[in-house]
């Protein structure tokens, strides 16, 4: 008994709700029963909601899988393929549709159209093939006409976009109003999106934000899945709908591609366009990198990623013991606090530096003491030195240069097009040159778009810098009364703001060390000054080339004592810098030296630049 396979297809999900599926299944079952065929359902040849106009059912649907099964011999020669009509197989161009039909017939498959009982096989005569071409041509024309009507309808809607919205589809924190003329915020969801943006602006990554939302039991925006996922947070934060933009799309080869220019102010905006691109800049710089390795209960190092070893330039890492519970003599338990220190990672890995430790709590207290002081405002407010400005053109100058180049390329293209139009035949060299210029134009226009984004981000950076010092002080003052999640988010916000304004902080936990060359230079200076050898020897004791060690014979740990004069160097992104010398016994007191450097900041700046010297304290 021959085997029959039923192929069922319809193009829209709405047809599932109608009678299409039942009707096509019933026709197949009835035909198999009438002609003594075994109806095989193992291949499940259903393309439900899939188009045959663009060939999707062949490229990625069940029909394509059936064709592959025929090629591999899984489907026997002489088997039947039952379809309601030929347009279920294909609504593609007639030549493509005929090729599909002939490939089945040449493979020994009999194709049956159930609507009229017609059987097509390798013995089908030319007249029947002509009829099949006519049917497939009509199906293609119908689909093409429908496609044009739909596209025309959408084009018409786009021209009236200011009067009526294209569709009710929108981000899930919005809804279409009753008159279908405007979108409006869903209040409870709008506040959630604002919280997500605020946390991201404060340097928190999408995973951390999703975790915070789940800990707060914030309802998700859809009924699919459980809880918030980082991927959806990412989708919200990168979508241009945040500043109200809508990008129309069309389907091309089964994929969504942008159609036309984006529509500005289509949605109500959560933030400005400048703020949006500033947010993308923050996220691209991974402003909250220091908390990635943690489980989210703390931001252990406010300066993670920007704190460096002053001696080798390597990273200073947070090391030491974690908090733990220990038993007391009476059988009770007490919690021993964590003891964290900053130490050079290169020294820990045996790369030749010095593993001099600086207790993290003491360092953070000294750093925050400096941040509370008025000198922070002066540090951020310093103008960028002329020498630094001269190193690169401003964004505005680059934008003007690109615009001028675009205009020049367009003039060249226009001249060449005019030359081609006047010629009796188009010279190959001119046509090729036009192609090269058009590609260069496209590249320049992409550069121009990137510069516009950069300008928007830079404008936001300038505005934030004006209030950066005050914002940092407010966050520091707020931390003392917070705990739990509020403390976490505040420390995250503080870490993000610090990283935006400060390029690096270099630590000198063993004080200033001198190279052998510097030592010789100092000695020569003392000799030239007329000092006696004994005086020179005594004077040179204060100049060290290596850190002091604890213990006998200089074999213990490197010392971090009061007399070594440890300090740190803060380098602002605007070119200004400060050297901070904390008091060893009271980290909340420090002496500050600083100035504006026109080259690479160095310890010599402390001696040779005119500096302001201030005492700061809590």
Protein backbone atom coordinates (compact mmCIF):
# COMPACT_ATOMS: atom_id res chain seq x y z
CA UNK A 1 0.00 0.00 0.00
CA UNK A 2 1.58 3.36 -1.07
CA UNK A 3 2.40 5.94 1.59
CA UNK A 4 0.93 9.45 1.57
CA UNK A 5 2.21 12.53 3.39
CA UNK A 6 -0.06 15.45 4.13
CA UNK A 7 1.50 18.90 3.81
CA UNK A 8 -0.50 21.64 5.56
CA UNK A 9 0.37 25.32 5.43
CA UNK A 10 -1.22 28.65 6.17
CA UNK A 11 0.54 32.00 6.31
CA UNK A 12 -0.84 33.85 9.34
CA UNK A 13 -1.29 32.80 12.98
CA UNK A 14 -4.87 34.11 12.83
CA UNK A 15 -5.76 31.29 10.39
CA UNK A 16 -5.10 28.77 13.17
CA UNK A 17 -8.17 30.16 14.95
CA UNK A 18 -10.30 29.52 11.85
CA UNK A 19 -11.13 26.36 9.91
CA UNK A 20 -8.00 26.10 7.72
CA UNK A 21 -6.14 23.47 9.74
CA UNK A 22 -9.15 21.20 10.28
CA UNK A 23 -10.23 21.48 6.63
CA UNK A 24 -6.81 20.58 5.20
CA UNK A 25 -6.40 17.63 7.61
CA UNK A 26 -9.86 16.28 6.80
CA UNK A 27 -9.25 16.47 3.04
CA UNK A 28 -6.00 14.51 3.41
CA UNK A 29 -7.59 11.81 5.55
CA UNK A 30 -10.54 11.44 3.17
CA UNK A 31 -8.30 11.16 0.07
CA UNK A 32 -6.07 8.53 1.72
CA UNK A 33 -9.11 6.48 2.70
CA UNK A 34 -10.70 6.77 -0.74
CA UNK A 35 -7.58 5.65 -2.64
CA UNK A 36 -6.22 3.08 -0.19
CA UNK A 37 -3.16 5.05 0.91
CA UNK A 38 -1.36 4.85 4.27
CA UNK A 39 -1.30 8.35 5.73
CA UNK A 40 2.10 8.82 7.42
CA UNK A 41 2.17 11.54 10.11
CA UNK A 42 5.68 10.86 11.44
CA UNK A 43 7.25 13.76 9.51
CA UNK A 44 4.64 16.25 10.82
CA UNK A 45 4.58 18.35 7.65
CA UNK A 46 2.87 21.44 9.09
CA UNK A 47 4.02 24.99 8.26
CA UNK A 48 1.56 26.93 10.38
CA UNK A 49 1.82 30.72 10.13
CA UNK A 50 4.61 30.51 7.52
CA UNK A 51 4.68 32.31 4.18
CA UNK A 52 5.16 30.59 0.82
CA UNK A 53 5.46 33.96 -0.95
CA UNK A 54 9.05 34.51 0.20
CA UNK A 55 10.03 30.81 0.21
CA UNK A 56 10.21 30.56 4.01
CA UNK A 57 8.42 27.19 3.99
CA UNK A 58 11.20 25.76 1.79
CA UNK A 59 14.19 27.51 3.39
CA UNK A 60 13.31 26.92 7.04
CA UNK A 61 9.98 25.11 7.14
CA UNK A 62 8.59 21.59 7.07
CA UNK A 63 8.43 21.50 3.26
CA UNK A 64 12.18 22.03 3.11
CA UNK A 65 12.61 19.15 5.57
CA UNK A 66 10.40 16.93 3.35
CA UNK A 67 12.52 17.75 0.28
CA UNK A 68 15.64 16.80 2.23
CA UNK A 69 14.00 13.53 3.33
CA UNK A 70 13.22 12.77 -0.34
CA UNK A 71 16.86 13.38 -1.32
CA UNK A 72 18.15 11.10 1.45
CA UNK A 73 15.73 8.30 0.56
CA UNK A 74 13.76 8.50 3.81
CA UNK A 75 10.64 9.04 1.68
CA UNK A 76 10.21 6.22 -0.87
CA UNK A 77 9.78 6.75 -4.59
CA UNK A 78 6.09 6.53 -5.53
CA UNK A 79 4.92 8.18 -2.31
CA UNK A 80 2.16 10.80 -2.40
CA UNK A 81 2.37 14.40 -1.16
CA UNK A 82 -1.16 15.68 -0.44
CA UNK A 83 -1.77 19.45 -0.57
CA UNK A 84 -5.01 21.42 -0.65
CA UNK A 85 -3.85 23.29 -3.75
CA UNK A 86 -0.61 24.20 -5.51
CA UNK A 87 -0.49 27.59 -3.77
CA UNK A 88 0.06 25.73 -0.47
CA UNK A 89 3.38 24.53 -1.90
CA UNK A 90 4.53 27.88 -3.19
CA UNK A 91 3.42 31.43 -3.92
CA UNK A 92 6.88 32.39 -5.14
CA UNK A 93 7.69 33.55 -8.69
CA UNK A 94 6.27 31.05 -11.27
CA UNK A 95 9.73 29.84 -12.38
CA UNK A 96 10.74 29.17 -8.76
CA UNK A 97 7.43 27.47 -7.97
CA UNK A 98 7.61 25.28 -11.11
CA UNK A 99 11.19 24.25 -10.27
CA UNK A 100 9.99 23.16 -6.82
CA UNK A 101 7.13 21.11 -8.30
CA UNK A 102 9.37 19.49 -10.94
CA UNK A 103 12.01 18.55 -8.33
CA UNK A 104 9.33 16.57 -6.49
CA UNK A 105 8.01 14.92 -9.66
CA UNK A 106 11.53 14.05 -10.91
CA UNK A 107 12.24 12.39 -7.57
CA UNK A 108 9.26 10.06 -8.12
CA UNK A 109 6.86 11.83 -5.73
CA UNK A 110 3.21 12.12 -6.79
CA UNK A 111 1.74 15.54 -5.85
CA UNK A 112 -2.03 15.59 -5.32
CA UNK A 113 -4.09 18.80 -5.17
CA UNK A 114 -7.04 17.85 -2.94
CA UNK A 115 -9.31 20.73 -4.00
CA UNK A 116 -9.70 19.30 -7.52
CA UNK A 117 -8.26 15.77 -7.13
CA UNK A 118 -5.54 16.44 -9.71
CA UNK A 119 -2.48 14.14 -9.58
CA UNK A 120 0.89 15.40 -10.85
CA UNK A 121 3.66 12.86 -11.46
CA UNK A 122 6.57 12.23 -13.84
CA UNK A 123 4.07 11.29 -16.60
CA UNK A 124 2.13 14.58 -16.39
CA UNK A 125 1.65 16.04 -19.91
CA UNK A 126 2.63 19.52 -21.07
CA UNK A 127 -0.94 20.84 -20.97
CA UNK A 128 -1.32 19.98 -17.28
CA UNK A 129 2.04 21.63 -16.54
CA UNK A 130 0.86 24.77 -18.35
CA UNK A 131 -2.26 24.72 -16.17
CA UNK A 132 -0.09 24.35 -13.06
CA UNK A 133 2.05 27.31 -14.16
CA UNK A 134 -1.12 29.37 -14.61
CA UNK A 135 -2.33 28.44 -11.10
CA UNK A 136 1.04 29.24 -9.54
CA UNK A 137 1.32 32.49 -11.48
CA UNK A 138 -2.11 33.57 -10.26
CA UNK A 139 -1.14 32.68 -6.65
CA UNK A 140 2.06 34.70 -6.93
CA UNK A 141 0.21 37.70 -8.41
CA UNK A 142 -2.37 37.56 -5.61
CA UNK A 143 0.35 37.50 -2.94
CA UNK A 144 2.33 40.23 -4.72
CA UNK A 145 -0.76 42.44 -4.96
CA UNK A 146 -1.56 41.80 -1.32
CA UNK A 147 2.03 42.61 -0.36
CA UNK A 148 1.92 45.88 -2.31
CA UNK A 149 -1.40 46.83 -0.75
CA UNK A 150 -0.09 46.14 2.75
CA UNK A 151 3.10 48.12 2.07
CA UNK A 152 1.07 50.97 0.56
CA UNK A 153 -1.20 50.94 3.60
CA UNK A 154 1.83 51.17 5.91
CA UNK A 155 3.34 53.95 3.81
CA UNK A 156 0.06 55.85 4.07
CA UNK A 157 0.02 55.33 7.83
CA UNK A 158 3.56 56.68 8.07
CA UNK A 159 2.56 59.89 6.29
CA UNK A 160 -0.16 60.38 8.93
CA UNK A 161 2.03 59.37 11.86
CA UNK A 162 1.49 62.69 13.63
CA UNK A 163 -2.29 62.15 13.53
CA UNK A 164 -2.51 58.45 14.33
CA UNK A 165 0.02 55.86 15.52
CA UNK A 166 1.04 53.06 13.16
CA UNK A 167 0.19 50.25 15.54
CA UNK A 168 -0.65 49.55 19.16
CA UNK A 169 2.67 47.70 19.49
CA UNK A 170 4.99 49.63 21.79
CA UNK A 171 7.44 49.18 24.68
CA UNK A 172 5.76 47.46 27.60
CA UNK A 173 5.85 50.49 29.87
CA UNK A 174 3.54 52.31 27.43
CA UNK A 175 0.02 51.89 26.08
CA UNK A 176 -2.01 53.50 23.30
CA UNK A 177 -4.61 55.98 24.49
CA UNK A 178 -8.31 55.63 23.69
CA UNK A 179 -8.16 57.92 20.65
CA UNK A 180 -5.16 55.98 19.23
CA UNK A 181 -3.32 59.26 18.65
CA UNK A 182 -0.74 59.10 21.46
CA UNK A 183 1.07 56.62 23.65
CA UNK A 184 0.99 57.15 27.41
CA UNK A 185 2.98 55.81 30.34
CA UNK A 186 1.68 52.95 32.46
CA UNK A 187 2.53 54.69 35.77
CA UNK A 188 3.76 51.70 37.80
CA UNK A 189 5.91 50.42 34.91
CA UNK A 190 7.24 53.88 34.09
CA UNK A 191 8.63 54.17 37.63
CA UNK A 192 10.32 50.75 37.23
CA UNK A 193 12.02 51.86 33.99
CA UNK A 194 13.16 55.07 35.69
CA UNK A 195 14.66 52.95 38.50
CA UNK A 196 16.43 50.73 35.95
CA UNK A 197 17.90 53.78 34.20
CA UNK A 198 18.93 55.32 37.53
CA UNK A 199 20.73 52.15 38.62
CA UNK A 200 22.48 51.89 35.24
CA UNK A 201 23.55 55.55 35.45
CA UNK A 202 24.99 54.69 38.85
CA UNK A 203 27.19 52.07 37.24
CA UNK A 204 25.23 48.89 37.96
CA UNK A 205 25.25 46.19 35.26
CA UNK A 206 22.14 44.46 33.91
CA UNK A 207 22.72 41.32 36.01
CA UNK A 208 22.91 43.34 39.21
CA UNK A 209 19.85 45.40 38.25
CA UNK A 210 17.83 42.25 37.48
CA UNK A 211 18.82 40.82 40.86
CA UNK A 212 17.77 43.98 42.71
CA UNK A 213 14.38 44.00 40.93
CA UNK A 214 13.82 40.33 41.81
CA UNK A 215 14.80 40.93 45.46
CA UNK A 216 12.24 43.74 45.55
CA UNK A 217 9.60 41.42 44.00
CA UNK A 218 8.97 43.95 41.23
CA UNK A 219 6.36 42.49 38.80
CA UNK A 220 7.71 41.69 35.34
CA UNK A 221 6.18 43.35 32.26
CA UNK A 222 4.96 40.11 30.63
CA UNK A 223 3.45 36.77 31.58
CA UNK A 224 6.32 34.85 29.97
CA UNK A 225 9.05 33.48 32.21
CA UNK A 226 9.61 34.06 35.89
CA UNK A 227 11.31 37.11 37.32
CA UNK A 228 13.55 39.68 35.69
CA UNK A 229 16.30 38.58 33.30
CA UNK A 230 19.50 40.53 32.53
CA UNK A 231 18.75 40.23 28.79
CA UNK A 232 15.46 42.15 29.16
CA UNK A 233 17.13 44.83 31.30
CA UNK A 234 19.73 45.11 28.52
CA UNK A 235 16.96 45.46 25.92
CA UNK A 236 15.36 48.31 27.88
CA UNK A 237 18.64 50.16 28.42
CA UNK A 238 19.77 49.98 24.77
CA UNK A 239 16.41 50.73 23.12
CA UNK A 240 16.06 54.16 21.51
CA UNK A 241 12.44 54.20 22.69
CA UNK A 242 13.90 55.52 25.96
CA UNK A 243 14.23 58.94 24.32
CA UNK A 244 11.04 58.52 22.27
CA UNK A 245 12.42 57.32 18.93
CA UNK A 246 10.68 54.74 16.76
CA UNK A 247 12.41 52.90 13.90
CA UNK A 248 9.94 51.42 11.36
CA UNK A 249 10.92 48.01 9.94
CA UNK A 250 9.89 45.78 7.08
CA UNK A 251 10.34 42.06 6.51
CA UNK A 252 12.96 41.16 3.92
CA UNK A 253 14.00 37.54 3.30
CA UNK A 254 12.30 36.59 6.55
CA UNK A 255 14.22 39.19 8.57
CA UNK A 256 13.29 42.58 9.99
CA UNK A 257 15.29 45.41 8.41
CA UNK A 258 14.97 49.17 9.09
CA UNK A 259 12.74 51.04 6.67
CA UNK A 260 13.19 54.78 6.31
CA UNK A 261 14.48 57.21 8.88
CA UNK A 262 13.71 56.86 12.60
CA UNK A 263 10.69 58.84 13.81
CA UNK A 264 11.61 61.27 16.60
CA UNK A 265 9.24 61.93 19.54
CA UNK A 266 7.00 59.01 18.55
CA UNK A 267 6.85 57.74 22.15
CA UNK A 268 6.86 59.74 25.39
CA UNK A 269 10.51 59.95 26.46
CA UNK A 270 11.93 58.56 29.70
CA UNK A 271 15.14 60.56 29.18
CA UNK A 272 16.68 63.00 26.71
CA UNK A 273 18.71 61.86 23.70
CA UNK A 274 21.86 63.33 25.27
CA UNK A 275 21.25 61.40 28.50
CA UNK A 276 20.67 58.20 26.52
CA UNK A 277 24.03 58.37 24.73
CA UNK A 278 25.73 59.36 27.96
CA UNK A 279 24.24 56.21 29.51
CA UNK A 280 25.61 54.10 26.63
CA UNK A 281 29.05 55.66 27.20
CA UNK A 282 28.90 54.80 30.89
CA UNK A 283 27.87 51.22 30.18
CA UNK A 284 30.52 50.74 27.51
CA UNK A 285 33.18 51.79 30.01
CA UNK A 286 31.86 49.21 32.50
CA UNK A 287 31.65 51.77 35.24
CA UNK A 288 30.69 49.20 37.84
CA UNK A 289 33.45 46.71 37.01
CA UNK A 290 34.63 46.39 40.60
CA UNK A 291 31.53 44.54 41.75
CA UNK A 292 31.39 41.90 39.00
CA UNK A 293 33.15 39.24 41.01
CA UNK A 294 30.93 39.75 44.05
CA UNK A 295 27.55 38.27 44.91
CA UNK A 296 26.01 41.73 45.12
CA UNK A 297 25.97 42.40 48.87
CA UNK A 298 28.67 45.07 48.81
CA UNK A 299 30.93 47.25 46.68
CA UNK A 300 34.17 46.34 48.47
CA UNK A 301 36.53 48.64 46.53
CA UNK A 302 35.22 52.02 45.43
CA UNK A 303 38.22 52.55 43.16
CA UNK A 304 38.34 49.12 41.55
CA UNK A 305 40.01 49.31 38.15
CA UNK A 306 41.58 52.75 38.62
CA UNK A 307 43.79 52.26 41.70
CA UNK A 308 47.40 51.53 40.66
CA UNK A 309 50.80 50.83 42.19
CA UNK A 310 52.88 53.99 42.18
CA UNK A 311 56.14 52.04 41.83
CA UNK A 312 55.44 49.78 38.84
CA UNK A 313 52.14 51.11 37.46
CA UNK A 314 50.42 47.75 37.93
CA UNK A 315 47.02 47.12 39.47
CA UNK A 316 46.49 47.35 43.22
CA UNK A 317 44.16 44.52 44.24
CA UNK A 318 42.04 43.93 47.31
CA UNK A 319 43.41 41.05 49.39
CA UNK A 320 43.19 39.72 52.93
CA UNK A 321 40.85 37.73 55.13
CA UNK A 322 37.06 37.67 54.93
CA UNK A 323 34.67 38.17 57.83
CA UNK A 324 34.09 35.00 59.84
CA UNK A 325 32.62 33.78 63.13
CA UNK A 326 35.05 32.51 65.80
CA UNK A 327 34.44 30.83 69.14
CA UNK A 328 35.28 32.63 72.36
CA UNK A 329 36.70 31.09 75.52
CA UNK A 330 33.26 30.86 77.15
CA UNK A 331 31.82 28.87 74.23
CA UNK A 332 30.10 31.80 72.55
CA UNK A 333 30.65 33.21 69.06
CA UNK A 334 31.80 36.58 67.83
CA UNK A 335 32.10 37.88 64.30
CA UNK A 336 35.64 38.79 63.35
CA UNK A 337 35.48 41.60 60.76
CA UNK A 338 37.19 41.25 57.42
CA UNK A 339 40.71 42.66 57.19
CA UNK A 340 41.23 43.89 53.67
CA UNK A 341 44.38 45.46 52.27
CA UNK A 342 45.44 46.95 48.95
CA UNK A 343 48.62 45.39 47.56
CA UNK A 344 50.43 45.41 44.22
CA UNK A 345 49.26 42.49 42.08
CA UNK A 346 52.63 42.38 40.29
CA UNK A 347 54.43 41.89 43.62
CA UNK A 348 52.03 39.11 44.59
CA UNK A 349 52.82 37.35 41.32
CA UNK A 350 56.59 37.71 41.67
CA UNK A 351 57.09 40.36 38.99
CA UNK A 352 59.68 42.30 40.97
CA UNK A 353 57.65 45.02 42.70
CA UNK A 354 57.13 45.52 46.45
CA UNK A 355 54.24 43.91 48.33
CA UNK A 356 53.76 46.82 50.72
CA UNK A 357 50.20 46.73 52.03
CA UNK A 358 47.84 49.61 52.72
CA UNK A 359 44.81 48.80 54.89
CA UNK A 360 41.75 49.38 52.71
CA UNK A 361 39.63 50.99 55.44
CA UNK A 362 42.38 53.51 56.20
CA UNK A 363 42.91 54.28 52.52
CA UNK A 364 39.18 54.67 51.79
CA UNK A 365 38.78 56.96 54.78
CA UNK A 366 41.68 59.16 53.62
CA UNK A 367 40.37 59.23 50.06
CA UNK A 368 36.81 60.11 51.14
CA UNK A 369 38.22 62.78 53.48
CA UNK A 370 39.84 64.40 50.46
CA UNK A 371 36.58 64.09 48.50
CA UNK A 372 34.66 65.86 51.26
CA UNK A 373 37.04 68.81 51.14
CA UNK A 374 36.61 71.89 49.00
CA UNK A 375 39.75 70.95 47.06
CA UNK A 376 37.75 68.32 45.15
CA UNK A 377 35.76 71.11 43.52
CA UNK A 378 38.97 72.84 42.44
CA UNK A 379 40.36 69.52 41.12
CA UNK A 380 37.38 68.93 38.83
CA UNK A 381 36.99 72.58 37.85
CA UNK A 382 40.55 72.99 36.56
CA UNK A 383 40.68 73.80 32.86
CA UNK A 384 42.38 71.39 30.52
CA UNK A 385 45.99 72.49 29.80
CA UNK A 386 46.69 73.94 26.36
CA UNK A 387 49.29 71.24 25.68
CA UNK A 388 46.65 68.55 26.18
CA UNK A 389 44.12 70.38 24.01
CA UNK A 390 46.61 70.56 21.15
CA UNK A 391 46.99 66.78 21.01
CA UNK A 392 43.73 66.20 19.16
CA UNK A 393 41.02 68.12 17.35
CA UNK A 394 37.82 68.77 19.28
CA UNK A 395 34.72 66.77 18.41
CA UNK A 396 33.20 69.87 16.81
CA UNK A 397 36.27 70.42 14.62
CA UNK A 398 36.27 66.78 13.51
CA UNK A 399 32.56 67.02 12.73
CA UNK A 400 33.11 70.15 10.60
CA UNK A 401 35.97 68.43 8.76
CA UNK A 402 33.84 65.36 7.97
CA UNK A 403 30.94 67.57 6.82
CA UNK A 404 33.26 69.47 4.47
CA UNK A 405 34.61 66.19 3.07
CA UNK A 406 31.06 64.87 2.51
CA UNK A 407 30.16 68.01 0.55
CA UNK A 408 33.32 67.67 -1.56
CA UNK A 409 32.59 63.99 -2.36
CA UNK A 410 29.00 64.85 -3.33
CA UNK A 411 30.25 67.52 -5.73
CA UNK A 412 32.61 64.98 -7.31
CA UNK A 413 29.78 62.45 -7.72
CA UNK A 414 27.48 65.10 -9.27
CA UNK A 415 30.20 66.13 -11.74
CA UNK A 416 30.86 62.53 -12.76
CA UNK A 417 27.16 61.75 -13.14
CA UNK A 418 26.82 64.82 -15.37
CA UNK A 419 29.81 63.66 -17.46
CA UNK A 420 28.27 60.20 -17.87
CA UNK A 421 24.95 61.74 -18.91
CA UNK A 422 26.63 63.80 -21.64
CA UNK A 423 28.64 60.87 -23.00
CA UNK A 424 27.17 58.64 -25.73
CA UNK A 425 28.10 55.61 -23.62
CA UNK A 426 29.05 55.35 -19.98
CA UNK A 427 32.85 54.88 -19.66
CA UNK A 428 33.67 52.02 -17.31
CA UNK A 429 36.30 54.06 -15.45
CA UNK A 430 33.77 56.82 -14.63
CA UNK A 431 31.15 54.35 -13.43
CA UNK A 432 33.70 52.60 -11.22
CA UNK A 433 34.86 55.95 -9.83
CA UNK A 434 31.29 56.89 -8.98
CA UNK A 435 30.95 53.59 -7.11
CA UNK A 436 34.14 54.26 -5.12
CA UNK A 437 33.00 57.79 -4.22
CA UNK A 438 29.54 56.58 -3.16
CA UNK A 439 31.13 54.02 -0.82
CA UNK A 440 33.40 56.73 0.61
CA UNK A 441 30.33 58.92 1.09
CA UNK A 442 28.54 56.14 2.98
CA UNK A 443 31.58 55.68 5.25
CA UNK A 444 31.81 59.43 5.93
CA UNK A 445 28.10 59.62 6.74
CA UNK A 446 28.56 56.81 9.28
CA UNK A 447 31.46 58.79 10.80
CA UNK A 448 29.23 61.85 10.97
CA UNK A 449 26.53 59.90 12.84
CA UNK A 450 29.14 58.56 15.28
CA UNK A 451 30.44 62.10 15.90
CA UNK A 452 26.90 63.33 16.58
CA UNK A 453 26.53 60.60 19.21
CA UNK A 454 29.93 61.57 20.66
CA UNK A 455 28.88 65.23 20.81
CA UNK A 456 25.69 64.37 22.67
CA UNK A 457 27.62 62.25 25.19
CA UNK A 458 30.28 64.96 25.63
CA UNK A 459 27.62 67.58 26.34
CA UNK A 460 26.18 65.40 29.10
CA UNK A 461 29.69 64.80 30.51
CA UNK A 462 30.31 68.57 30.70
CA UNK A 463 27.03 69.19 32.49
CA UNK A 464 27.66 66.39 34.96
CA UNK A 465 31.22 67.59 35.66
CA UNK A 466 29.85 70.96 36.79
CA UNK A 467 28.09 69.27 39.71
CA UNK A 468 30.33 66.20 40.11
CA UNK A 469 32.12 67.32 43.31
CA UNK A 470 28.87 68.22 45.06
CA UNK A 471 27.22 64.93 43.95
CA UNK A 472 30.16 62.91 45.29
CA UNK A 473 30.05 64.74 48.63
CA UNK A 474 26.31 64.14 48.92
CA UNK A 475 26.74 60.39 48.31
CA UNK A 476 29.58 60.14 50.85
CA UNK A 477 27.52 61.94 53.50
CA UNK A 478 24.52 59.74 52.77
CA UNK A 479 26.42 56.43 53.18
CA UNK A 480 26.84 56.80 56.95
CA UNK A 481 23.14 56.26 57.65
CA UNK A 482 22.45 53.46 55.12
CA UNK A 483 22.66 49.68 55.10
CA UNK A 484 21.69 46.70 52.96
CA UNK A 485 20.48 47.38 49.43
CA UNK A 486 20.43 51.17 49.93
CA UNK A 487 24.10 51.14 50.94
CA UNK A 488 24.95 48.90 47.97
CA UNK A 489 23.31 51.18 45.40
CA UNK A 490 24.78 54.33 46.99
CA UNK A 491 28.33 52.90 47.00
CA UNK A 492 27.78 51.78 43.40
CA UNK A 493 26.70 55.29 42.44
CA UNK A 494 29.72 56.77 44.22
CA UNK A 495 32.10 54.33 42.50
CA UNK A 496 30.62 55.22 39.09
CA UNK A 497 30.94 58.99 39.64
CA UNK A 498 34.52 58.64 40.87
CA UNK A 499 35.49 56.64 37.78
CA UNK A 500 33.96 59.23 35.46
CA UNK A 501 36.01 62.09 36.89
CA UNK A 502 39.24 60.42 38.02
CA UNK A 503 41.58 58.71 35.56
CA UNK A 504 43.64 56.84 38.17
CA UNK A 505 44.82 56.87 41.77
CA UNK A 506 48.42 55.75 42.36
CA UNK A 507 49.40 54.46 45.79
CA UNK A 508 52.85 54.80 47.37
CA UNK A 509 52.40 52.69 50.54
CA UNK A 510 56.18 52.72 51.27
CA UNK A 511 56.53 56.46 50.69
CA UNK A 512 58.78 57.90 48.04
CA UNK A 513 61.51 55.61 46.69
CA UNK A 514 64.46 56.82 44.61
CA UNK A 515 66.28 55.18 41.73
CA UNK A 516 70.09 54.71 41.96
CA UNK A 517 70.44 57.45 39.32
CA UNK A 518 68.44 59.86 41.46
CA UNK A 519 70.55 58.98 44.51
CA UNK A 520 73.75 59.81 42.63
CA UNK A 521 72.29 63.08 41.44
CA UNK A 522 71.34 64.05 45.01
CA UNK A 523 74.82 63.14 46.26
CA UNK A 524 76.44 65.28 43.58
CA UNK A 525 74.24 68.17 44.60
CA UNK A 526 75.26 67.84 48.26
CA UNK A 527 78.96 67.63 47.35
CA UNK A 528 78.65 70.73 45.18
CA UNK A 529 76.99 72.45 48.13
CA UNK A 530 80.17 71.88 50.15
CA UNK A 531 78.87 69.35 52.71
CA UNK A 532 81.31 67.06 54.52
CA UNK A 533 81.23 63.28 53.80
CA UNK A 534 79.77 62.56 57.25
CA UNK A 535 77.04 65.13 56.68
CA UNK A 536 76.32 63.67 53.25
CA UNK A 537 76.09 60.13 54.70
CA UNK A 538 73.62 61.27 57.36
CA UNK A 539 71.57 63.20 54.83
CA UNK A 540 71.38 60.27 52.43
CA UNK A 541 69.72 58.06 55.07
CA UNK A 542 66.42 59.76 54.35
CA UNK A 543 66.54 58.77 50.66
CA UNK A 544 65.51 55.13 50.16
CA UNK A 545 65.69 52.95 47.05
CA UNK A 546 63.70 50.04 48.54
CA UNK A 547 61.01 49.86 51.24
CA UNK A 548 61.93 49.18 54.85
CA UNK A 549 61.33 45.66 56.15
CA UNK A 550 60.03 44.51 59.51
CA UNK A 551 61.86 41.95 61.65
CA UNK A 552 65.52 41.19 62.15
CA UNK A 553 68.01 41.19 59.34
CA UNK A 554 65.61 42.87 56.98
CA UNK A 555 63.91 39.59 56.08
CA UNK A 556 60.38 40.29 57.31
CA UNK A 557 57.43 41.89 55.54
CA UNK A 558 57.77 45.28 54.00
CA UNK A 559 56.94 47.88 56.61
CA UNK A 560 54.02 50.28 56.55
CA UNK A 561 55.10 52.52 59.44
CA UNK A 562 54.40 56.07 60.48
CA UNK A 563 57.89 57.26 59.55
CA UNK A 564 57.83 56.15 55.89
CA UNK A 565 55.38 58.85 54.77
CA UNK A 566 52.96 56.92 52.59
CA UNK A 567 50.83 58.95 50.16
CA UNK A 568 48.68 58.65 47.04
CA UNK A 569 48.39 60.55 43.75
CA UNK A 570 44.95 61.42 42.29
CA UNK A 571 44.88 62.17 38.55
CA UNK A 572 41.70 63.84 37.27
CA UNK A 573 40.56 63.30 33.68
CA UNK A 574 40.89 67.05 32.98
CA UNK A 575 44.67 66.98 33.54
CA UNK A 576 44.71 68.26 37.13
CA UNK A 577 46.26 66.21 39.95
CA UNK A 578 46.74 66.07 43.71
CA UNK A 579 49.21 64.32 46.05
CA UNK A 580 47.52 63.37 49.32
CA UNK A 581 49.65 62.62 52.44
CA UNK A 582 47.39 61.06 55.12
CA UNK A 583 48.27 61.05 58.79
CA UNK A 584 49.33 57.50 59.73
CA UNK A 585 47.52 57.48 63.09
CA UNK A 586 44.41 59.34 61.95
CA UNK A 587 43.53 58.66 58.27
CA UNK A 588 40.88 61.40 58.38
CA UNK A 589 43.63 64.04 58.41
CA UNK A 590 45.79 64.68 55.34
CA UNK A 591 48.09 67.20 53.70
CA UNK A 592 47.27 67.90 50.04
CA UNK A 593 49.65 69.14 47.32
CA UNK A 594 48.67 69.64 43.73
CA UNK A 595 48.64 71.56 40.49
CA UNK A 596 47.98 71.26 36.77
CA UNK A 597 50.54 69.24 34.86
CA UNK A 598 51.15 69.75 31.13
CA UNK A 599 52.86 66.42 30.61
CA UNK A 600 52.92 63.11 32.44
CA UNK A 601 52.40 63.65 36.19
CA UNK A 602 55.41 62.54 38.23
CA UNK A 603 56.73 62.72 41.76
CA UNK A 604 59.03 65.52 40.63
CA UNK A 605 55.89 67.64 40.34
CA UNK A 606 55.90 67.80 44.14
CA UNK A 607 59.24 69.56 44.10
CA UNK A 608 59.31 71.63 40.93
CA UNK A 609 55.73 72.73 40.20
CA UNK A 610 54.12 75.64 42.06
CA UNK A 611 51.56 73.86 44.23
CA UNK A 612 48.92 74.66 46.78
CA UNK A 613 49.37 72.94 50.12
CA UNK A 614 46.30 72.41 52.28
CA UNK A 615 45.43 70.46 55.36
CA UNK A 616 42.13 68.57 55.16
CA UNK A 617 40.30 66.60 57.80
CA UNK A 618 36.88 65.17 58.60
